[in-house]
Amino acid sequence: MQYPLILASGWEIVSALAETAGAVATFAAVVVALWPEVRKRLVTERMDIAVGTEPPYYSDATAIIHGTPMCGKMLRLEVSNSGDETANDVRILLGNVTRKNTVRGWVPANLAWTHTGKRNCDTIPPRFRQFCDLCAVINRQVHFSLEVQPLDQYNVFDLGEFTLEIALATERGVQKRGTIRLTIEEHPQTRQLTYVNIQWEEWDC
C-alpha cells in the first residue's frame, strides 16, 4: 500500500516551531516563578531537640540570678540542624510549666541560649548544634532560664516532678512541639541531688 506524501509548507514549519518555543518559554517562566517555593521544600533546615543528664546537658555552672552570679547545676537542651540549609532566628518557647502537687500560673516566655543569654540563636548551620539553657538548680530550687527574669520569680520552684510544654521555631515558623518530663530530687538526709531524669516527647505538628 502506498501512502500519500504530505509536504508541509515553510510557513507551517515556522509556525509549529514558534508554538513549541512559546510553550517552552511559558514552562520556563513557570519554573522560575515557582522555584523559591520548590527550593524551600527541597532544601530546608531540619531541627531536632535532644536531652540528657550528663555533660554538657547537665553540669556545674554559674547562673546570673537578678544580676547576682550564683553557682549551681545547669540543665540544657541540645538544638541541632540536620538539614541542608542554615536555620535563622531559632527560638525555644517555654509555653507552660506545671509541678506535681503545685498550682501556679505561668506566662509563656522564650528560654535563654547558653553563653549569650539571648532569646534567640541567630543561626545554626547545617549539621551543627547549639545549646539552650533550660533551668538552673541552685540552693535546692529550680530556676527556669527565661530571657527575662520575672520580679515575682514565678519561674522558681522547689525540687520535684515537672511537665513542660516546649515549642521550637525558626524564621520559617514552628518546627517542633512537645513535652519535657523532668524530675529533680535530693537525698532526704544529705540534701544532695541524687536523681535527675529528663524525657522529651515530640508532638505531631
N, C-alpha and C. Protein backbone atom coordinates (compact mmCIF):
# COMPACT_ATOMS: atom_id res chain seq x y z
N MET A 1 0.86 -1.19 0.00
CA MET A 1 0.00 0.00 0.00
C MET A 1 0.89 1.23 0.00
N GLN A 2 0.53 2.22 -0.76
CA GLN A 2 1.28 3.46 -0.79
C GLN A 2 0.50 4.55 -0.05
N TYR A 3 1.22 5.31 0.75
CA TYR A 3 0.58 6.40 1.49
C TYR A 3 0.88 7.71 0.79
N PRO A 4 -0.06 8.62 0.83
CA PRO A 4 0.18 9.90 0.18
C PRO A 4 1.27 10.68 0.90
N LEU A 5 2.09 11.34 0.19
CA LEU A 5 3.17 12.14 0.75
C LEU A 5 2.63 13.52 1.08
N ILE A 6 2.75 13.87 2.37
CA ILE A 6 2.24 15.16 2.82
C ILE A 6 3.41 16.09 3.01
N LEU A 7 3.45 17.15 2.31
CA LEU A 7 4.52 18.14 2.41
C LEU A 7 4.01 19.37 3.14
N ALA A 8 4.76 19.77 4.18
CA ALA A 8 4.38 20.97 4.92
C ALA A 8 5.08 22.15 4.29
N SER A 9 4.37 23.24 4.22
CA SER A 9 4.96 24.45 3.67
C SER A 9 5.93 25.05 4.66
N GLY A 10 6.78 25.92 4.19
CA GLY A 10 7.75 26.58 5.06
C GLY A 10 7.07 27.36 6.17
N TRP A 11 5.97 28.01 5.86
CA TRP A 11 5.27 28.80 6.89
C TRP A 11 4.68 27.90 7.97
N GLU A 12 4.20 26.71 7.59
CA GLU A 12 3.64 25.78 8.59
C GLU A 12 4.73 25.31 9.55
N ILE A 13 5.92 25.02 9.01
CA ILE A 13 7.03 24.59 9.86
C ILE A 13 7.44 25.71 10.81
N VAL A 14 7.54 26.92 10.29
CA VAL A 14 7.91 28.06 11.14
C VAL A 14 6.87 28.27 12.22
N SER A 15 5.59 28.12 11.88
CA SER A 15 4.52 28.31 12.86
C SER A 15 4.59 27.26 13.97
N ALA A 16 4.87 26.00 13.57
CA ALA A 16 4.97 24.94 14.57
C ALA A 16 6.14 25.17 15.51
N LEU A 17 7.26 25.58 14.95
CA LEU A 17 8.43 25.87 15.78
C LEU A 17 8.16 27.02 16.73
N ALA A 18 7.45 28.02 16.25
CA ALA A 18 7.13 29.19 17.10
C ALA A 18 6.24 28.78 18.26
N GLU A 19 5.26 27.90 17.97
CA GLU A 19 4.36 27.44 19.04
C GLU A 19 5.14 26.63 20.08
N THR A 20 6.06 25.78 19.61
CA THR A 20 6.87 24.99 20.54
C THR A 20 7.75 25.88 21.40
N ALA A 21 8.37 26.86 20.76
CA ALA A 21 9.22 27.79 21.51
C ALA A 21 8.41 28.57 22.53
N GLY A 22 7.20 28.94 22.17
CA GLY A 22 6.34 29.67 23.11
C GLY A 22 5.97 28.81 24.32
N ALA A 23 5.67 27.53 24.06
CA ALA A 23 5.33 26.62 25.16
C ALA A 23 6.51 26.43 26.10
N VAL A 24 7.72 26.26 25.50
CA VAL A 24 8.92 26.10 26.32
C VAL A 24 9.18 27.34 27.16
N ALA A 25 9.00 28.51 26.55
CA ALA A 25 9.22 29.76 27.29
C ALA A 25 8.23 29.90 28.44
N THR A 26 6.98 29.53 28.19
CA THR A 26 5.97 29.59 29.25
C THR A 26 6.31 28.65 30.40
N PHE A 27 6.75 27.43 30.04
CA PHE A 27 7.13 26.46 31.07
C PHE A 27 8.32 26.97 31.89
N ALA A 28 9.31 27.55 31.21
CA ALA A 28 10.48 28.09 31.91
C ALA A 28 10.08 29.22 32.85
N ALA A 29 9.15 30.07 32.42
CA ALA A 29 8.70 31.17 33.26
C ALA A 29 8.00 30.66 34.52
N VAL A 30 7.19 29.59 34.35
CA VAL A 30 6.51 29.00 35.49
C VAL A 30 7.51 28.40 36.47
N VAL A 31 8.54 27.71 35.95
CA VAL A 31 9.57 27.11 36.80
C VAL A 31 10.29 28.19 37.59
N VAL A 32 10.66 29.29 36.91
CA VAL A 32 11.36 30.39 37.59
C VAL A 32 10.50 30.99 38.68
N ALA A 33 9.21 31.15 38.40
CA ALA A 33 8.31 31.75 39.38
C ALA A 33 8.11 30.86 40.60
N LEU A 34 8.05 29.54 40.37
CA LEU A 34 7.78 28.61 41.47
C LEU A 34 9.04 28.12 42.16
N TRP A 35 10.23 28.39 41.61
CA TRP A 35 11.46 27.83 42.15
C TRP A 35 11.69 28.18 43.63
N PRO A 36 11.48 29.43 44.07
CA PRO A 36 11.71 29.71 45.50
C PRO A 36 10.89 28.81 46.42
N GLU A 37 9.61 28.57 46.04
CA GLU A 37 8.77 27.70 46.88
C GLU A 37 9.23 26.25 46.78
N VAL A 38 9.61 25.81 45.58
CA VAL A 38 10.10 24.44 45.42
C VAL A 38 11.38 24.25 46.21
N ARG A 39 12.26 25.24 46.17
CA ARG A 39 13.53 25.13 46.88
C ARG A 39 13.31 25.03 48.39
N LYS A 40 12.31 25.75 48.90
CA LYS A 40 12.02 25.67 50.33
C LYS A 40 11.65 24.25 50.74
N ARG A 41 10.99 23.54 49.83
CA ARG A 41 10.56 22.18 50.16
C ARG A 41 11.68 21.17 49.97
N LEU A 42 12.57 21.44 49.03
CA LEU A 42 13.65 20.51 48.76
C LEU A 42 14.86 20.74 49.65
N VAL A 43 15.17 22.00 49.91
CA VAL A 43 16.34 22.37 50.71
C VAL A 43 15.86 23.18 51.90
N THR A 44 15.94 22.63 53.08
CA THR A 44 15.43 23.31 54.26
C THR A 44 16.18 22.84 55.49
N GLU A 45 15.98 23.59 56.60
CA GLU A 45 16.55 23.12 57.85
C GLU A 45 15.68 21.99 58.43
N ARG A 46 16.29 21.11 59.19
CA ARG A 46 15.56 20.06 59.90
C ARG A 46 16.02 20.11 61.35
N MET A 47 15.16 20.63 62.20
CA MET A 47 15.53 20.90 63.57
C MET A 47 15.17 19.73 64.49
N ASP A 48 16.05 19.48 65.45
CA ASP A 48 15.83 18.41 66.42
C ASP A 48 16.21 18.91 67.81
N ILE A 49 15.58 18.29 68.82
CA ILE A 49 15.87 18.58 70.22
C ILE A 49 16.35 17.30 70.88
N ALA A 50 17.41 17.41 71.67
CA ALA A 50 17.93 16.26 72.43
C ALA A 50 18.13 16.67 73.88
N VAL A 51 17.96 15.71 74.79
CA VAL A 51 18.12 15.98 76.22
C VAL A 51 19.04 14.92 76.81
N GLY A 52 19.57 15.19 78.00
CA GLY A 52 20.43 14.24 78.67
C GLY A 52 20.71 14.67 80.10
N THR A 53 21.37 13.80 80.85
CA THR A 53 21.69 14.10 82.25
C THR A 53 23.20 14.07 82.51
N GLU A 54 23.98 14.04 81.44
CA GLU A 54 25.43 14.08 81.55
C GLU A 54 25.94 15.34 80.85
N PRO A 55 27.19 15.78 81.18
CA PRO A 55 27.74 16.95 80.49
C PRO A 55 27.78 16.70 78.97
N PRO A 56 27.49 17.73 78.15
CA PRO A 56 27.23 19.12 78.51
C PRO A 56 25.77 19.43 78.80
N TYR A 57 24.91 18.39 78.79
CA TYR A 57 23.49 18.63 79.06
C TYR A 57 23.25 19.07 80.51
N TYR A 58 24.00 18.49 81.43
CA TYR A 58 23.80 18.76 82.86
C TYR A 58 25.17 18.86 83.50
N SER A 59 25.52 20.04 83.99
CA SER A 59 26.87 20.24 84.51
C SER A 59 26.90 21.42 85.47
N ASP A 60 28.04 21.55 86.17
CA ASP A 60 28.24 22.70 87.04
C ASP A 60 28.26 23.98 86.21
N ALA A 61 27.68 25.02 86.75
CA ALA A 61 27.63 26.28 86.01
C ALA A 61 27.34 27.42 86.97
N THR A 62 27.62 28.62 86.50
CA THR A 62 27.28 29.83 87.25
C THR A 62 26.13 30.52 86.54
N ALA A 63 25.05 30.71 87.24
CA ALA A 63 23.87 31.38 86.67
C ALA A 63 23.78 32.80 87.25
N ILE A 64 23.30 33.72 86.44
CA ILE A 64 23.10 35.10 86.88
C ILE A 64 21.64 35.23 87.28
N ILE A 65 21.40 35.36 88.58
CA ILE A 65 20.04 35.48 89.11
C ILE A 65 19.83 36.92 89.58
N HIS A 66 19.04 37.66 88.81
CA HIS A 66 18.78 39.07 89.11
C HIS A 66 20.09 39.84 89.34
N GLY A 67 21.04 39.59 88.44
CA GLY A 67 22.30 40.32 88.47
C GLY A 67 23.35 39.75 89.39
N THR A 68 23.03 38.69 90.12
CA THR A 68 23.98 38.11 91.08
C THR A 68 24.45 36.74 90.59
N PRO A 69 25.77 36.54 90.40
CA PRO A 69 26.26 35.21 90.00
C PRO A 69 26.06 34.20 91.12
N MET A 70 25.51 33.05 90.79
CA MET A 70 25.26 32.01 91.77
C MET A 70 25.67 30.66 91.18
N CYS A 71 26.37 29.87 91.96
CA CYS A 71 26.86 28.56 91.49
C CYS A 71 25.79 27.49 91.69
N GLY A 72 25.72 26.61 90.73
CA GLY A 72 24.76 25.51 90.83
C GLY A 72 24.94 24.54 89.68
N LYS A 73 23.88 23.86 89.35
CA LYS A 73 23.85 22.93 88.23
C LYS A 73 22.97 23.52 87.13
N MET A 74 23.40 23.35 85.87
CA MET A 74 22.61 23.85 84.75
C MET A 74 22.17 22.68 83.87
N LEU A 75 20.89 22.67 83.53
CA LEU A 75 20.34 21.66 82.65
C LEU A 75 20.04 22.33 81.30
N ARG A 76 20.54 21.72 80.21
CA ARG A 76 20.44 22.35 78.89
C ARG A 76 19.75 21.44 77.88
N LEU A 77 19.22 22.08 76.84
CA LEU A 77 18.67 21.37 75.70
C LEU A 77 19.64 21.50 74.53
N GLU A 78 19.81 20.42 73.78
CA GLU A 78 20.61 20.48 72.56
C GLU A 78 19.67 20.69 71.38
N VAL A 79 19.97 21.71 70.58
CA VAL A 79 19.19 22.01 69.38
C VAL A 79 20.10 21.84 68.17
N SER A 80 19.77 20.93 67.27
CA SER A 80 20.63 20.63 66.13
C SER A 80 19.87 20.81 64.82
N ASN A 81 20.65 21.01 63.76
CA ASN A 81 20.10 21.19 62.42
C ASN A 81 20.68 20.11 61.51
N SER A 82 19.86 19.13 61.16
CA SER A 82 20.30 18.04 60.30
C SER A 82 19.92 18.27 58.84
N GLY A 83 19.46 19.47 58.52
CA GLY A 83 19.04 19.78 57.15
C GLY A 83 20.18 20.27 56.29
N ASP A 84 19.80 20.86 55.16
CA ASP A 84 20.78 21.33 54.17
C ASP A 84 20.89 22.85 54.12
N GLU A 85 20.16 23.53 54.97
CA GLU A 85 20.17 24.98 54.95
C GLU A 85 20.29 25.53 56.36
N THR A 86 20.93 26.68 56.49
CA THR A 86 21.11 27.31 57.80
C THR A 86 19.77 27.73 58.39
N ALA A 87 19.57 27.42 59.66
CA ALA A 87 18.37 27.86 60.38
C ALA A 87 18.64 29.22 60.99
N ASN A 88 17.73 30.15 60.79
CA ASN A 88 17.89 31.52 61.28
C ASN A 88 16.84 31.84 62.34
N ASP A 89 17.26 32.71 63.28
CA ASP A 89 16.36 33.21 64.32
C ASP A 89 15.67 32.04 65.05
N VAL A 90 16.49 31.18 65.65
CA VAL A 90 15.97 29.98 66.32
C VAL A 90 15.58 30.34 67.75
N ARG A 91 14.39 29.96 68.14
CA ARG A 91 13.88 30.25 69.49
C ARG A 91 13.22 29.02 70.08
N ILE A 92 13.24 28.96 71.41
CA ILE A 92 12.53 27.91 72.13
C ILE A 92 11.58 28.58 73.13
N LEU A 93 10.31 28.35 72.92
CA LEU A 93 9.28 28.92 73.79
C LEU A 93 8.91 27.91 74.86
N LEU A 94 9.00 28.33 76.12
CA LEU A 94 8.52 27.51 77.23
C LEU A 94 7.08 27.92 77.48
N GLY A 95 6.18 27.15 76.87
CA GLY A 95 4.78 27.54 76.86
C GLY A 95 4.06 27.36 78.17
N ASN A 96 4.45 26.32 78.92
CA ASN A 96 3.78 26.07 80.20
C ASN A 96 4.67 25.20 81.08
N VAL A 97 4.58 25.43 82.38
CA VAL A 97 5.30 24.63 83.38
C VAL A 97 4.33 24.25 84.47
N THR A 98 4.22 22.96 84.76
CA THR A 98 3.43 22.51 85.89
C THR A 98 4.29 21.61 86.76
N ARG A 99 4.18 21.79 88.05
CA ARG A 99 4.89 20.95 89.03
C ARG A 99 3.87 20.10 89.75
N LYS A 100 4.20 18.84 89.95
CA LYS A 100 3.27 17.93 90.61
C LYS A 100 2.88 18.47 91.99
N ASN A 101 1.59 18.46 92.25
CA ASN A 101 1.02 18.91 93.53
C ASN A 101 1.24 20.40 93.77
N THR A 102 1.42 21.17 92.71
CA THR A 102 1.59 22.62 92.84
C THR A 102 0.69 23.31 91.84
N VAL A 103 -0.05 24.32 92.31
CA VAL A 103 -0.91 25.11 91.45
C VAL A 103 -0.31 26.51 91.32
N ARG A 104 0.07 26.88 90.09
CA ARG A 104 0.68 28.18 89.88
C ARG A 104 0.47 28.59 88.42
N GLY A 105 0.22 29.88 88.21
CA GLY A 105 0.07 30.39 86.86
C GLY A 105 1.42 30.48 86.16
N TRP A 106 1.39 30.46 84.83
CA TRP A 106 2.62 30.53 84.06
C TRP A 106 2.41 31.44 82.85
N VAL A 107 3.37 32.33 82.62
CA VAL A 107 3.34 33.21 81.46
C VAL A 107 4.36 32.69 80.44
N PRO A 108 3.93 32.29 79.23
CA PRO A 108 4.88 31.77 78.24
C PRO A 108 6.01 32.75 77.96
N ALA A 109 7.22 32.23 77.82
CA ALA A 109 8.39 33.07 77.56
C ALA A 109 9.45 32.25 76.85
N ASN A 110 10.36 32.93 76.15
CA ASN A 110 11.46 32.27 75.47
C ASN A 110 12.54 31.89 76.47
N LEU A 111 13.17 30.73 76.23
CA LEU A 111 14.33 30.34 77.03
C LEU A 111 15.56 31.11 76.55
N ALA A 112 16.55 31.23 77.43
CA ALA A 112 17.79 31.93 77.11
C ALA A 112 18.83 30.94 76.59
N TRP A 113 19.57 31.35 75.56
CA TRP A 113 20.57 30.47 74.95
C TRP A 113 21.86 30.48 75.76
N THR A 114 22.51 29.32 75.80
CA THR A 114 23.74 29.15 76.57
C THR A 114 24.81 30.13 76.09
N HIS A 115 25.51 30.71 77.04
CA HIS A 115 26.64 31.62 76.83
C HIS A 115 26.22 33.03 76.42
N THR A 116 25.11 33.18 75.70
CA THR A 116 24.72 34.52 75.25
C THR A 116 23.60 35.11 76.09
N GLY A 117 22.73 34.26 76.63
CA GLY A 117 21.59 34.75 77.39
C GLY A 117 20.52 35.39 76.52
N LYS A 118 20.66 35.31 75.20
CA LYS A 118 19.71 35.93 74.30
C LYS A 118 18.46 35.07 74.13
N ARG A 119 17.39 35.70 73.66
CA ARG A 119 16.13 35.00 73.43
C ARG A 119 16.16 34.17 72.16
N ASN A 120 17.12 34.45 71.26
CA ASN A 120 17.20 33.71 70.02
C ASN A 120 18.65 33.38 69.69
N CYS A 121 18.82 32.32 68.93
CA CYS A 121 20.12 31.96 68.36
C CYS A 121 20.10 32.43 66.91
N ASP A 122 21.01 33.32 66.55
CA ASP A 122 20.95 33.94 65.23
C ASP A 122 20.96 32.91 64.11
N THR A 123 21.89 31.96 64.16
CA THR A 123 21.99 30.96 63.10
C THR A 123 22.47 29.62 63.67
N ILE A 124 21.98 28.53 63.08
CA ILE A 124 22.53 27.20 63.31
C ILE A 124 22.76 26.59 61.93
N PRO A 125 24.02 26.49 61.48
CA PRO A 125 24.31 25.96 60.15
C PRO A 125 23.94 24.48 60.04
N PRO A 126 23.88 23.96 58.82
CA PRO A 126 23.62 22.53 58.64
C PRO A 126 24.65 21.67 59.36
N ARG A 127 24.15 20.62 60.02
CA ARG A 127 24.97 19.65 60.75
C ARG A 127 25.74 20.29 61.91
N PHE A 128 25.18 21.36 62.47
CA PHE A 128 25.73 21.97 63.68
C PHE A 128 24.69 21.92 64.78
N ARG A 129 25.13 22.19 66.00
CA ARG A 129 24.24 22.20 67.15
C ARG A 129 24.56 23.39 68.05
N GLN A 130 23.58 23.77 68.83
CA GLN A 130 23.74 24.80 69.86
C GLN A 130 23.00 24.31 71.11
N PHE A 131 23.34 24.93 72.24
CA PHE A 131 22.68 24.56 73.50
C PHE A 131 21.88 25.74 74.03
N CYS A 132 20.74 25.40 74.61
CA CYS A 132 19.85 26.39 75.20
C CYS A 132 19.63 26.01 76.66
N ASP A 133 19.78 26.97 77.57
CA ASP A 133 19.60 26.70 79.00
C ASP A 133 18.13 26.44 79.31
N LEU A 134 17.88 25.35 79.99
CA LEU A 134 16.51 25.03 80.41
C LEU A 134 16.25 25.52 81.83
N CYS A 135 17.12 25.13 82.75
CA CYS A 135 16.93 25.56 84.14
C CYS A 135 18.24 25.41 84.90
N ALA A 136 18.36 26.20 85.97
CA ALA A 136 19.48 26.09 86.90
C ALA A 136 18.95 25.57 88.23
N VAL A 137 19.71 24.67 88.84
CA VAL A 137 19.34 24.14 90.15
C VAL A 137 20.28 24.77 91.17
N ILE A 138 19.74 25.65 92.01
CA ILE A 138 20.54 26.42 92.96
C ILE A 138 19.84 26.39 94.32
N ASN A 139 20.59 26.03 95.34
CA ASN A 139 20.05 26.02 96.71
C ASN A 139 18.73 25.27 96.79
N ARG A 140 18.70 24.09 96.17
CA ARG A 140 17.54 23.19 96.22
C ARG A 140 16.28 23.82 95.60
N GLN A 141 16.51 24.72 94.65
CA GLN A 141 15.40 25.29 93.89
C GLN A 141 15.70 25.23 92.40
N VAL A 142 14.64 25.14 91.61
CA VAL A 142 14.76 25.07 90.15
C VAL A 142 14.40 26.44 89.58
N HIS A 143 15.37 27.06 88.89
CA HIS A 143 15.17 28.37 88.25
C HIS A 143 15.10 28.15 86.74
N PHE A 144 13.91 28.26 86.16
CA PHE A 144 13.82 28.12 84.71
C PHE A 144 14.42 29.34 84.03
N SER A 145 15.22 29.08 82.99
CA SER A 145 16.10 30.11 82.41
C SER A 145 15.38 30.91 81.34
N LEU A 146 14.61 31.87 81.75
CA LEU A 146 13.85 32.70 80.83
C LEU A 146 14.69 33.86 80.30
N GLU A 147 14.28 34.40 79.15
CA GLU A 147 15.00 35.52 78.56
C GLU A 147 14.99 36.74 79.48
N VAL A 148 13.90 36.92 80.21
CA VAL A 148 13.78 37.99 81.20
C VAL A 148 13.36 37.35 82.51
N GLN A 149 14.11 37.61 83.58
CA GLN A 149 13.78 37.03 84.88
C GLN A 149 12.68 37.84 85.56
N PRO A 150 11.54 37.22 85.79
CA PRO A 150 10.41 37.96 86.38
C PRO A 150 10.70 38.37 87.82
N LEU A 151 10.25 39.57 88.18
CA LEU A 151 10.49 40.07 89.53
C LEU A 151 9.76 39.24 90.58
N ASP A 152 8.59 38.69 90.22
CA ASP A 152 7.86 37.88 91.20
C ASP A 152 8.37 36.45 91.28
N GLN A 153 9.39 36.14 90.46
CA GLN A 153 10.05 34.83 90.49
C GLN A 153 9.07 33.66 90.31
N TYR A 154 8.10 33.84 89.41
CA TYR A 154 7.19 32.72 89.15
C TYR A 154 7.89 31.58 88.42
N ASN A 155 9.13 31.82 87.97
CA ASN A 155 9.89 30.77 87.29
C ASN A 155 10.72 29.93 88.26
N VAL A 156 10.59 30.16 89.56
CA VAL A 156 11.38 29.44 90.58
C VAL A 156 10.47 28.47 91.32
N PHE A 157 10.91 27.21 91.38
CA PHE A 157 10.13 26.16 92.03
C PHE A 157 11.03 25.37 92.98
N ASP A 158 10.38 24.70 93.95
CA ASP A 158 11.08 23.69 94.73
C ASP A 158 11.34 22.47 93.84
N LEU A 159 12.29 21.62 94.27
CA LEU A 159 12.57 20.40 93.52
C LEU A 159 11.31 19.54 93.41
N GLY A 160 11.24 18.72 92.38
CA GLY A 160 10.06 17.86 92.23
C GLY A 160 9.93 17.33 90.82
N GLU A 161 8.69 17.01 90.44
CA GLU A 161 8.38 16.47 89.12
C GLU A 161 7.66 17.55 88.31
N PHE A 162 8.17 17.78 87.09
CA PHE A 162 7.65 18.86 86.25
C PHE A 162 7.22 18.33 84.89
N THR A 163 6.22 19.00 84.32
CA THR A 163 5.81 18.77 82.94
C THR A 163 5.90 20.11 82.21
N LEU A 164 6.70 20.15 81.13
CA LEU A 164 6.95 21.38 80.40
C LEU A 164 6.42 21.25 78.98
N GLU A 165 5.83 22.33 78.47
CA GLU A 165 5.40 22.38 77.08
C GLU A 165 6.38 23.27 76.31
N ILE A 166 6.96 22.70 75.23
CA ILE A 166 8.04 23.36 74.51
C ILE A 166 7.66 23.51 73.03
N ALA A 167 8.04 24.65 72.45
CA ALA A 167 7.91 24.85 71.00
C ALA A 167 9.23 25.39 70.47
N LEU A 168 9.73 24.77 69.40
CA LEU A 168 10.96 25.20 68.74
C LEU A 168 10.59 25.84 67.41
N ALA A 169 11.04 27.08 67.20
CA ALA A 169 10.68 27.82 65.98
C ALA A 169 11.90 28.45 65.35
N THR A 170 11.82 28.64 64.03
CA THR A 170 12.81 29.41 63.28
C THR A 170 12.06 30.51 62.55
N GLU A 171 12.77 31.25 61.68
CA GLU A 171 12.11 32.31 60.92
C GLU A 171 11.02 31.74 60.00
N ARG A 172 11.05 30.44 59.74
CA ARG A 172 10.06 29.81 58.88
C ARG A 172 8.82 29.36 59.64
N GLY A 173 8.85 29.46 60.96
CA GLY A 173 7.70 29.04 61.75
C GLY A 173 8.07 27.93 62.73
N VAL A 174 7.05 27.37 63.36
CA VAL A 174 7.25 26.33 64.37
C VAL A 174 7.74 25.05 63.69
N GLN A 175 8.84 24.49 64.22
CA GLN A 175 9.44 23.28 63.67
C GLN A 175 9.16 22.05 64.52
N LYS A 176 9.13 22.23 65.83
CA LYS A 176 8.90 21.12 66.75
C LYS A 176 8.03 21.60 67.91
N ARG A 177 7.17 20.69 68.38
CA ARG A 177 6.41 20.93 69.61
C ARG A 177 6.40 19.64 70.40
N GLY A 178 6.44 19.78 71.72
CA GLY A 178 6.43 18.57 72.52
C GLY A 178 6.41 18.84 74.00
N THR A 179 6.57 17.76 74.76
CA THR A 179 6.53 17.81 76.22
C THR A 179 7.85 17.31 76.79
N ILE A 180 8.34 18.01 77.79
CA ILE A 180 9.50 17.55 78.55
C ILE A 180 9.02 17.16 79.94
N ARG A 181 9.36 15.95 80.34
CA ARG A 181 9.05 15.48 81.69
C ARG A 181 10.36 15.45 82.48
N LEU A 182 10.36 16.23 83.54
CA LEU A 182 11.60 16.47 84.29
C LEU A 182 11.39 16.15 85.76
N THR A 183 12.32 15.37 86.32
CA THR A 183 12.29 15.06 87.76
C THR A 183 13.64 15.39 88.36
N ILE A 184 13.64 16.20 89.40
CA ILE A 184 14.87 16.54 90.13
C ILE A 184 14.58 16.32 91.62
N GLU A 185 15.32 15.38 92.22
CA GLU A 185 15.11 15.04 93.62
C GLU A 185 16.42 15.09 94.38
N GLU A 186 16.34 15.09 95.70
CA GLU A 186 17.53 15.11 96.55
C GLU A 186 17.42 14.05 97.63
N HIS A 187 18.59 13.71 98.20
CA HIS A 187 18.60 12.76 99.31
C HIS A 187 18.01 13.43 100.54
N PRO A 188 17.07 12.78 101.23
CA PRO A 188 16.40 13.44 102.36
C PRO A 188 17.32 13.79 103.53
N GLN A 189 18.48 13.13 103.66
CA GLN A 189 19.37 13.41 104.78
C GLN A 189 20.55 14.30 104.38
N THR A 190 21.21 13.96 103.27
CA THR A 190 22.39 14.74 102.86
C THR A 190 22.02 16.02 102.12
N ARG A 191 20.78 16.10 101.66
CA ARG A 191 20.30 17.26 100.90
C ARG A 191 21.08 17.45 99.60
N GLN A 192 21.72 16.40 99.12
CA GLN A 192 22.43 16.45 97.86
C GLN A 192 21.53 15.90 96.75
N LEU A 193 21.70 16.46 95.55
CA LEU A 193 20.92 15.97 94.42
C LEU A 193 21.31 14.52 94.12
N THR A 194 20.34 13.65 94.11
CA THR A 194 20.63 12.23 93.89
C THR A 194 19.96 11.68 92.64
N TYR A 195 19.03 12.42 92.05
CA TYR A 195 18.32 11.88 90.91
C TYR A 195 17.86 13.00 90.00
N VAL A 196 18.26 12.92 88.74
CA VAL A 196 17.79 13.84 87.72
C VAL A 196 17.38 13.02 86.51
N ASN A 197 16.16 13.18 86.06
CA ASN A 197 15.67 12.45 84.89
C ASN A 197 14.92 13.42 83.99
N ILE A 198 15.18 13.31 82.68
CA ILE A 198 14.50 14.19 81.72
C ILE A 198 14.17 13.40 80.48
N GLN A 199 12.95 13.60 79.97
CA GLN A 199 12.49 12.91 78.76
C GLN A 199 11.81 13.90 77.84
N TRP A 200 12.06 13.76 76.54
CA TRP A 200 11.46 14.62 75.52
C TRP A 200 10.48 13.80 74.71
N GLU A 201 9.24 14.28 74.61
CA GLU A 201 8.20 13.60 73.86
C GLU A 201 7.66 14.56 72.81
N GLU A 202 7.95 14.27 71.55
CA GLU A 202 7.54 15.17 70.47
C GLU A 202 6.08 14.96 70.10
N TRP A 203 5.39 16.07 69.83
CA TRP A 203 4.02 16.00 69.36
C TRP A 203 3.99 15.92 67.84
N ASP A 204 2.86 15.49 67.31
CA ASP A 204 2.63 15.53 65.86
C ASP A 204 2.14 16.92 65.49
N CYS A 205 3.03 17.72 64.86
CA CYS A 205 2.64 19.09 64.48
C CYS A 205 1.65 19.08 63.32
